């Protein structure tokens, strides 16, 4: 069973929604229902998602830099601070 719900949109959003509905061959109401379903699905997924799940699409997407930056971190920091002291 479905119920009616009023939704206020500014004119620009209403026009964009209308053009998209025509382009897809559907109604504005169907697009709004689809958008709400997508939003609810994403938010429900966030509740149970692990941090890894939230960022896995970003991992490995950056190239370059020092591949050994995670090794000997303490010594690297000490060396950097020493160099900064000498530069003063």
C-alpha atoms as a PDB file:
ATOM      1  CA  UNK A   1       0.000   0.000   0.000  1.00  0.00           C
ATOM      2  CA  UNK A   2       1.351   3.435  -0.849  1.00  0.00           C
ATOM      3  CA  UNK A   3       0.558   6.799   0.651  1.00  0.00           C
ATOM      4  CA  UNK A   4       0.864  10.290  -0.734  1.00  0.00           C
ATOM      5  CA  UNK A   5       3.542  12.675   0.505  1.00  0.00           C
ATOM      6  CA  UNK A   6       4.023  16.345  -0.328  1.00  0.00           C
ATOM      7  CA  UNK A   7       7.475  17.502  -1.380  1.00  0.00           C
ATOM      8  CA  UNK A   8       8.540  21.102  -1.924  1.00  0.00           C
ATOM      9  CA  UNK A   9      11.166  21.694  -4.609  1.00  0.00           C
ATOM     10  CA  UNK A  10      12.654  24.892  -5.919  1.00  0.00           C
ATOM     11  CA  UNK A  11      11.869  25.586  -9.577  1.00  0.00           C
ATOM     12  CA  UNK A  12      15.340  24.686 -10.849  1.00  0.00           C
ATOM     13  CA  UNK A  13      15.321  21.282  -9.124  1.00  0.00           C
ATOM     14  CA  UNK A  14      11.782  20.598 -10.333  1.00  0.00           C
ATOM     15  CA  UNK A  15      12.780  21.355 -13.933  1.00  0.00           C
ATOM     16  CA  UNK A  16      15.904  19.210 -13.751  1.00  0.00           C
ATOM     17  CA  UNK A  17      13.860  16.364 -12.269  1.00  0.00           C
ATOM     18  CA  UNK A  18      11.278  16.723 -15.048  1.00  0.00           C
ATOM     19  CA  UNK A  19      13.943  16.620 -17.767  1.00  0.00           C
ATOM     20  CA  UNK A  20      15.528  13.540 -16.224  1.00  0.00           C
ATOM     21  CA  UNK A  21      12.140  11.814 -16.006  1.00  0.00           C
ATOM     22  CA  UNK A  22      11.488  12.497 -19.699  1.00  0.00           C
ATOM     23  CA  UNK A  23      14.967  11.309 -20.653  1.00  0.00           C
ATOM     24  CA  UNK A  24      14.504   8.061 -18.708  1.00  0.00           C
ATOM     25  CA  UNK A  25      10.894   7.616 -19.773  1.00  0.00           C
ATOM     26  CA  UNK A  26       9.563   7.551 -16.230  1.00  0.00           C
ATOM     27  CA  UNK A  27       7.791   9.844 -13.780  1.00  0.00           C
ATOM     28  CA  UNK A  28       9.181  12.366 -11.335  1.00  0.00           C
ATOM     29  CA  UNK A  29       7.613  10.376  -8.511  1.00  0.00           C
ATOM     30  CA  UNK A  30       9.419   7.220  -9.607  1.00  0.00           C
ATOM     31  CA  UNK A  31      12.734   9.099  -9.640  1.00  0.00           C
ATOM     32  CA  UNK A  32      12.127  10.483  -6.154  1.00  0.00           C
ATOM     33  CA  UNK A  33      11.246   6.998  -4.853  1.00  0.00           C
ATOM     34  CA  UNK A  34      14.416   5.615  -6.451  1.00  0.00           C
ATOM     35  CA  UNK A  35      16.552   8.363  -4.895  1.00  0.00           C
ATOM     36  CA  UNK A  36      15.044   7.773  -1.454  1.00  0.00           C
ATOM     37  CA  UNK A  37      15.581   4.008  -1.735  1.00  0.00           C
ATOM     38  CA  UNK A  38      19.224   4.588  -2.737  1.00  0.00           C
ATOM     39  CA  UNK A  39      19.801   6.963   0.174  1.00  0.00           C
ATOM     40  CA  UNK A  40      18.254   4.590   2.695  1.00  0.00           C
ATOM     41  CA  UNK A  41      20.318   1.717   1.307  1.00  0.00           C
ATOM     42  CA  UNK A  42      23.575   3.672   1.539  1.00  0.00           C
ATOM     43  CA  UNK A  43      22.848   4.827   5.081  1.00  0.00           C
ATOM     44  CA  UNK A  44      21.867   1.317   6.191  1.00  0.00           C
ATOM     45  CA  UNK A  45      25.133   0.043   4.721  1.00  0.00           C
ATOM     46  CA  UNK A  46      27.128   2.596   6.695  1.00  0.00           C
ATOM     47  CA  UNK A  47      25.677   1.354   9.975  1.00  0.00           C
ATOM     48  CA  UNK A  48      27.125  -2.104   9.506  1.00  0.00           C
ATOM     49  CA  UNK A  49      30.162  -1.214   7.429  1.00  0.00           C
ATOM     50  CA  UNK A  50      33.661  -1.656   8.751  1.00  0.00           C
ATOM     51  CA  UNK A  51      36.112   1.217   8.195  1.00  0.00           C
ATOM     52  CA  UNK A  52      37.787  -0.901   5.502  1.00  0.00           C
ATOM     53  CA  UNK A  53      34.482  -1.157   3.589  1.00  0.00           C
ATOM     54  CA  UNK A  54      34.107   2.612   3.566  1.00  0.00           C
ATOM     55  CA  UNK A  55      37.527   3.324   2.037  1.00  0.00           C
ATOM     56  CA  UNK A  56      38.453   0.233   0.059  1.00  0.00           C
ATOM     57  CA  UNK A  57      37.659   1.922  -3.265  1.00  0.00           C
ATOM     58  CA  UNK A  58      40.269   4.578  -2.433  1.00  0.00           C
ATOM     59  CA  UNK A  59      43.078   2.214  -1.450  1.00  0.00           C
ATOM     60  CA  UNK A  60      45.756   1.838  -4.065  1.00  0.00           C
ATOM     61  CA  UNK A  61      44.455   4.759  -6.079  1.00  0.00           C
ATOM     62  CA  UNK A  62      47.456   7.036  -5.427  1.00  0.00           C
ATOM     63  CA  UNK A  63      50.774   6.476  -7.169  1.00  0.00           C
ATOM     64  CA  UNK A  64      54.183   7.823  -6.268  1.00  0.00           C
ATOM     65  CA  UNK A  65      55.960   8.795  -3.111  1.00  0.00           C
ATOM     66  CA  UNK A  66      58.466   6.912  -1.005  1.00  0.00           C
ATOM     67  CA  UNK A  67      57.581   3.201  -1.001  1.00  0.00           C
ATOM     68  CA  UNK A  68      59.621   2.723   2.202  1.00  0.00           C
ATOM     69  CA  UNK A  69      58.025   5.561   4.125  1.00  0.00           C
ATOM     70  CA  UNK A  70      56.590   3.155   6.703  1.00  0.00           C
ATOM     71  CA  UNK A  71      59.927   1.611   7.643  1.00  0.00           C
ATOM     72  CA  UNK A  72      62.332   3.105  10.177  1.00  0.00           C
ATOM     73  CA  UNK A  73      59.893   5.916  10.922  1.00  0.00           C
ATOM     74  CA  UNK A  74      61.509   6.885  14.193  1.00  0.00           C
ATOM     75  CA  UNK A  75      64.950   7.237  12.637  1.00  0.00           C
ATOM     76  CA  UNK A  76      63.572   9.232   9.716  1.00  0.00           C
ATOM     77  CA  UNK A  77      61.852  11.678  12.060  1.00  0.00           C
ATOM     78  CA  UNK A  78      64.990  12.034  14.185  1.00  0.00           C
ATOM     79  CA  UNK A  79      67.091  12.684  11.066  1.00  0.00           C
ATOM     80  CA  UNK A  80      64.575  15.260   9.791  1.00  0.00           C
ATOM     81  CA  UNK A  81      64.564  17.103  13.139  1.00  0.00           C
ATOM     82  CA  UNK A  82      68.342  17.044  13.241  1.00  0.00           C
ATOM     83  CA  UNK A  83      68.529  18.556   9.770  1.00  0.00           C
ATOM     84  CA  UNK A  84      66.048  21.285  10.734  1.00  0.00           C
ATOM     85  CA  UNK A  85      68.129  22.143  13.804  1.00  0.00           C
ATOM     86  CA  UNK A  86      71.292  22.393  11.717  1.00  0.00           C
ATOM     87  CA  UNK A  87      69.529  24.682   9.193  1.00  0.00           C
ATOM     88  CA  UNK A  88      68.715  27.252  11.890  1.00  0.00           C
END
